[in-house]
Amino acid sequence: MNVQHEVSLLVEEIQRLGSKNADGQTCVKFGVLFNDDRCANIFEALVGTLRAAKRKKIIAFEGELLLQGVHDNVDITLLQE
């Protein structure tokens, strides 16, 4: 799969699993995304896809790298719906 396709799938999964924040943007916790069975089947390298989407300013999250367990409560915010 190409990166753009994976990023578009990521946007769909964030919309499916997330909820709207006070600003009307869709947010999801990293732990929810990482532990979802459907996401596990779609994304071979979820963290890499997240970093690619962040570089393209499609999503936002604090820090550079998200790790399971340590960053489960970090919000991933969808900037482009």
N, C-alpha and C. Protein backbone atom coordinates (compact mmCIF):
# COMPACT_ATOMS: atom_id res chain seq x y z
N MET A 1 0.84 -1.19 0.00
CA MET A 1 0.00 0.00 0.00
C MET A 1 0.88 1.25 0.00
N ASN A 2 0.36 2.28 -0.63
CA ASN A 2 1.12 3.54 -0.60
C ASN A 2 0.73 4.36 0.63
N VAL A 3 1.57 5.31 0.95
CA VAL A 3 1.39 6.10 2.17
C VAL A 3 0.09 6.89 2.14
N GLN A 4 -0.22 7.51 1.01
CA GLN A 4 -1.44 8.31 0.92
C GLN A 4 -2.69 7.47 1.18
N HIS A 5 -2.69 6.26 0.66
CA HIS A 5 -3.83 5.36 0.88
C HIS A 5 -3.94 5.00 2.36
N GLU A 6 -2.82 4.68 3.00
CA GLU A 6 -2.85 4.34 4.42
C GLU A 6 -3.30 5.52 5.26
N VAL A 7 -2.87 6.72 4.90
CA VAL A 7 -3.28 7.92 5.64
C VAL A 7 -4.79 8.12 5.51
N SER A 8 -5.34 7.90 4.32
CA SER A 8 -6.79 8.05 4.14
C SER A 8 -7.55 7.00 4.94
N LEU A 9 -7.01 5.78 5.03
CA LEU A 9 -7.62 4.75 5.87
C LEU A 9 -7.55 5.15 7.35
N LEU A 10 -6.44 5.75 7.74
CA LEU A 10 -6.28 6.21 9.12
C LEU A 10 -7.34 7.26 9.46
N VAL A 11 -7.58 8.19 8.54
CA VAL A 11 -8.61 9.22 8.76
C VAL A 11 -9.96 8.55 8.99
N GLU A 12 -10.30 7.56 8.18
CA GLU A 12 -11.57 6.83 8.34
C GLU A 12 -11.66 6.17 9.70
N GLU A 13 -10.58 5.56 10.15
CA GLU A 13 -10.58 4.86 11.44
C GLU A 13 -10.68 5.84 12.61
N ILE A 14 -10.04 6.99 12.50
CA ILE A 14 -10.15 8.01 13.55
C ILE A 14 -11.59 8.51 13.62
N GLN A 15 -12.22 8.70 12.46
CA GLN A 15 -13.62 9.13 12.44
C GLN A 15 -14.52 8.06 13.05
N ARG A 16 -14.21 6.78 12.80
CA ARG A 16 -15.03 5.68 13.31
C ARG A 16 -14.90 5.56 14.83
N LEU A 17 -13.68 5.67 15.34
CA LEU A 17 -13.42 5.42 16.76
C LEU A 17 -13.46 6.67 17.63
N GLY A 18 -13.31 7.83 17.02
CA GLY A 18 -13.17 9.06 17.79
C GLY A 18 -14.48 9.73 18.12
N SER A 19 -14.36 10.85 18.82
CA SER A 19 -15.50 11.68 19.15
C SER A 19 -15.08 13.14 18.99
N LYS A 20 -16.07 14.01 18.87
CA LYS A 20 -15.80 15.43 18.65
C LYS A 20 -15.35 16.08 19.96
N ASN A 21 -14.33 16.94 19.86
CA ASN A 21 -13.90 17.70 21.04
C ASN A 21 -14.65 19.04 21.08
N ALA A 22 -14.29 19.91 22.01
CA ALA A 22 -14.97 21.19 22.17
C ALA A 22 -14.85 22.08 20.92
N ASP A 23 -13.78 21.89 20.15
CA ASP A 23 -13.57 22.68 18.94
C ASP A 23 -14.25 22.07 17.71
N GLY A 24 -14.93 20.95 17.90
CA GLY A 24 -15.60 20.29 16.78
C GLY A 24 -14.70 19.38 15.96
N GLN A 25 -13.47 19.16 16.45
CA GLN A 25 -12.54 18.27 15.74
C GLN A 25 -12.68 16.86 16.31
N THR A 26 -12.44 15.86 15.48
CA THR A 26 -12.52 14.47 15.92
C THR A 26 -11.22 14.08 16.61
N CYS A 27 -11.34 13.50 17.81
CA CYS A 27 -10.17 13.07 18.58
C CYS A 27 -10.34 11.61 18.98
N VAL A 28 -9.22 10.93 19.10
CA VAL A 28 -9.22 9.55 19.59
C VAL A 28 -7.94 9.36 20.40
N LYS A 29 -8.02 8.56 21.44
CA LYS A 29 -6.83 8.24 22.23
C LYS A 29 -5.98 7.24 21.45
N PHE A 30 -4.66 7.36 21.56
CA PHE A 30 -3.76 6.45 20.87
C PHE A 30 -4.02 5.00 21.28
N GLY A 31 -4.27 4.76 22.55
CA GLY A 31 -4.52 3.41 23.04
C GLY A 31 -5.74 2.77 22.40
N VAL A 32 -6.79 3.57 22.19
CA VAL A 32 -8.01 3.07 21.55
C VAL A 32 -7.70 2.66 20.11
N LEU A 33 -6.98 3.51 19.41
CA LEU A 33 -6.61 3.23 18.02
C LEU A 33 -5.70 2.02 17.93
N PHE A 34 -4.69 1.97 18.80
CA PHE A 34 -3.70 0.90 18.76
C PHE A 34 -4.30 -0.46 19.10
N ASN A 35 -5.25 -0.48 20.03
CA ASN A 35 -5.82 -1.74 20.50
C ASN A 35 -7.04 -2.21 19.72
N ASP A 36 -7.47 -1.43 18.75
CA ASP A 36 -8.63 -1.80 17.94
C ASP A 36 -8.25 -2.93 16.96
N ASP A 37 -9.05 -3.99 16.93
CA ASP A 37 -8.76 -5.15 16.07
C ASP A 37 -8.74 -4.78 14.59
N ARG A 38 -9.69 -3.96 14.18
CA ARG A 38 -9.75 -3.58 12.76
C ARG A 38 -8.50 -2.80 12.35
N CYS A 39 -8.06 -1.88 13.21
CA CYS A 39 -6.85 -1.11 12.93
C CYS A 39 -5.63 -2.03 12.88
N ALA A 40 -5.58 -2.99 13.78
CA ALA A 40 -4.46 -3.93 13.80
C ALA A 40 -4.37 -4.71 12.51
N ASN A 41 -5.52 -5.02 11.91
CA ASN A 41 -5.54 -5.76 10.65
C ASN A 41 -5.20 -4.88 9.45
N ILE A 42 -5.53 -3.60 9.53
CA ILE A 42 -5.29 -2.69 8.39
C ILE A 42 -3.85 -2.20 8.35
N PHE A 43 -3.35 -1.76 9.50
CA PHE A 43 -2.07 -1.07 9.53
C PHE A 43 -0.95 -1.97 10.01
N GLU A 44 0.01 -2.20 9.12
CA GLU A 44 1.18 -2.98 9.49
C GLU A 44 2.09 -2.17 10.40
N ALA A 45 2.15 -0.87 10.16
CA ALA A 45 2.99 0.03 10.95
C ALA A 45 2.18 1.27 11.31
N LEU A 46 1.31 1.15 12.31
CA LEU A 46 0.43 2.24 12.70
C LEU A 46 1.21 3.49 13.08
N VAL A 47 2.28 3.34 13.86
CA VAL A 47 3.05 4.50 14.30
C VAL A 47 3.66 5.23 13.10
N GLY A 48 4.13 4.50 12.11
CA GLY A 48 4.67 5.12 10.90
C GLY A 48 3.61 5.87 10.13
N THR A 49 2.42 5.31 10.05
CA THR A 49 1.31 5.97 9.36
C THR A 49 0.91 7.24 10.11
N LEU A 50 0.89 7.17 11.44
CA LEU A 50 0.58 8.35 12.25
C LEU A 50 1.61 9.46 12.02
N ARG A 51 2.87 9.10 11.97
CA ARG A 51 3.93 10.10 11.75
C ARG A 51 3.80 10.72 10.36
N ALA A 52 3.48 9.91 9.35
CA ALA A 52 3.31 10.42 7.99
C ALA A 52 2.13 11.39 7.94
N ALA A 53 1.03 11.04 8.60
CA ALA A 53 -0.15 11.91 8.62
C ALA A 53 0.14 13.21 9.37
N LYS A 54 0.94 13.12 10.43
CA LYS A 54 1.31 14.33 11.18
C LYS A 54 2.18 15.25 10.33
N ARG A 55 3.12 14.67 9.59
CA ARG A 55 3.98 15.47 8.70
C ARG A 55 3.15 16.19 7.64
N LYS A 56 2.06 15.55 7.20
CA LYS A 56 1.20 16.15 6.17
C LYS A 56 0.16 17.08 6.79
N LYS A 57 0.22 17.27 8.13
CA LYS A 57 -0.68 18.14 8.87
C LYS A 57 -2.14 17.71 8.74
N ILE A 58 -2.36 16.40 8.69
CA ILE A 58 -3.70 15.84 8.65
C ILE A 58 -4.18 15.54 10.07
N ILE A 59 -3.24 15.16 10.93
CA ILE A 59 -3.54 14.91 12.34
C ILE A 59 -2.54 15.68 13.19
N ALA A 60 -2.83 15.76 14.48
CA ALA A 60 -1.91 16.38 15.43
C ALA A 60 -1.89 15.55 16.71
N PHE A 61 -0.73 15.42 17.30
CA PHE A 61 -0.58 14.82 18.62
C PHE A 61 0.70 15.34 19.24
N GLU A 62 0.77 15.28 20.57
CA GLU A 62 1.96 15.78 21.26
C GLU A 62 3.09 14.78 21.13
N GLY A 63 4.30 15.30 20.96
CA GLY A 63 5.47 14.44 20.86
C GLY A 63 5.74 14.02 19.42
N GLU A 64 6.83 13.29 19.26
CA GLU A 64 7.24 12.83 17.93
C GLU A 64 6.83 11.38 17.68
N LEU A 65 6.88 10.57 18.74
CA LEU A 65 6.68 9.13 18.60
C LEU A 65 5.72 8.66 19.68
N LEU A 66 4.76 7.82 19.31
CA LEU A 66 3.82 7.26 20.27
C LEU A 66 4.13 5.78 20.48
N LEU A 67 4.19 5.38 21.73
CA LEU A 67 4.49 3.99 22.08
C LEU A 67 3.33 3.40 22.87
N GLN A 68 3.02 2.14 22.59
CA GLN A 68 1.94 1.46 23.30
C GLN A 68 2.23 1.44 24.80
N GLY A 69 1.19 1.65 25.58
CA GLY A 69 1.34 1.65 27.03
C GLY A 69 1.70 3.02 27.54
N VAL A 70 2.85 3.53 27.15
CA VAL A 70 3.36 4.83 27.62
C VAL A 70 2.46 5.97 27.17
N HIS A 71 2.00 5.92 25.94
CA HIS A 71 1.26 7.03 25.34
C HIS A 71 -0.21 6.69 25.05
N ASP A 72 -0.77 5.71 25.74
CA ASP A 72 -2.15 5.29 25.47
C ASP A 72 -3.18 6.41 25.64
N ASN A 73 -2.89 7.38 26.52
CA ASN A 73 -3.86 8.46 26.78
C ASN A 73 -3.59 9.73 25.98
N VAL A 74 -2.68 9.66 25.01
CA VAL A 74 -2.40 10.82 24.17
C VAL A 74 -3.50 10.97 23.13
N ASP A 75 -4.03 12.20 23.02
CA ASP A 75 -5.07 12.48 22.03
C ASP A 75 -4.47 12.65 20.65
N ILE A 76 -5.11 12.02 19.68
CA ILE A 76 -4.77 12.22 18.27
C ILE A 76 -5.96 13.00 17.69
N THR A 77 -5.68 14.19 17.18
CA THR A 77 -6.72 15.08 16.69
C THR A 77 -6.69 15.14 15.17
N LEU A 78 -7.84 14.97 14.58
CA LEU A 78 -7.97 15.04 13.12
C LEU A 78 -8.12 16.50 12.72
N LEU A 79 -7.17 17.01 11.96
CA LEU A 79 -7.18 18.42 11.53
C LEU A 79 -7.95 18.62 10.23
N GLN A 80 -7.95 17.58 9.39
CA GLN A 80 -8.67 17.62 8.10
C GLN A 80 -9.65 16.48 8.06
N GLU A 81 -10.93 16.80 8.00
CA GLU A 81 -11.98 15.76 8.01
C GLU A 81 -12.17 15.17 6.63
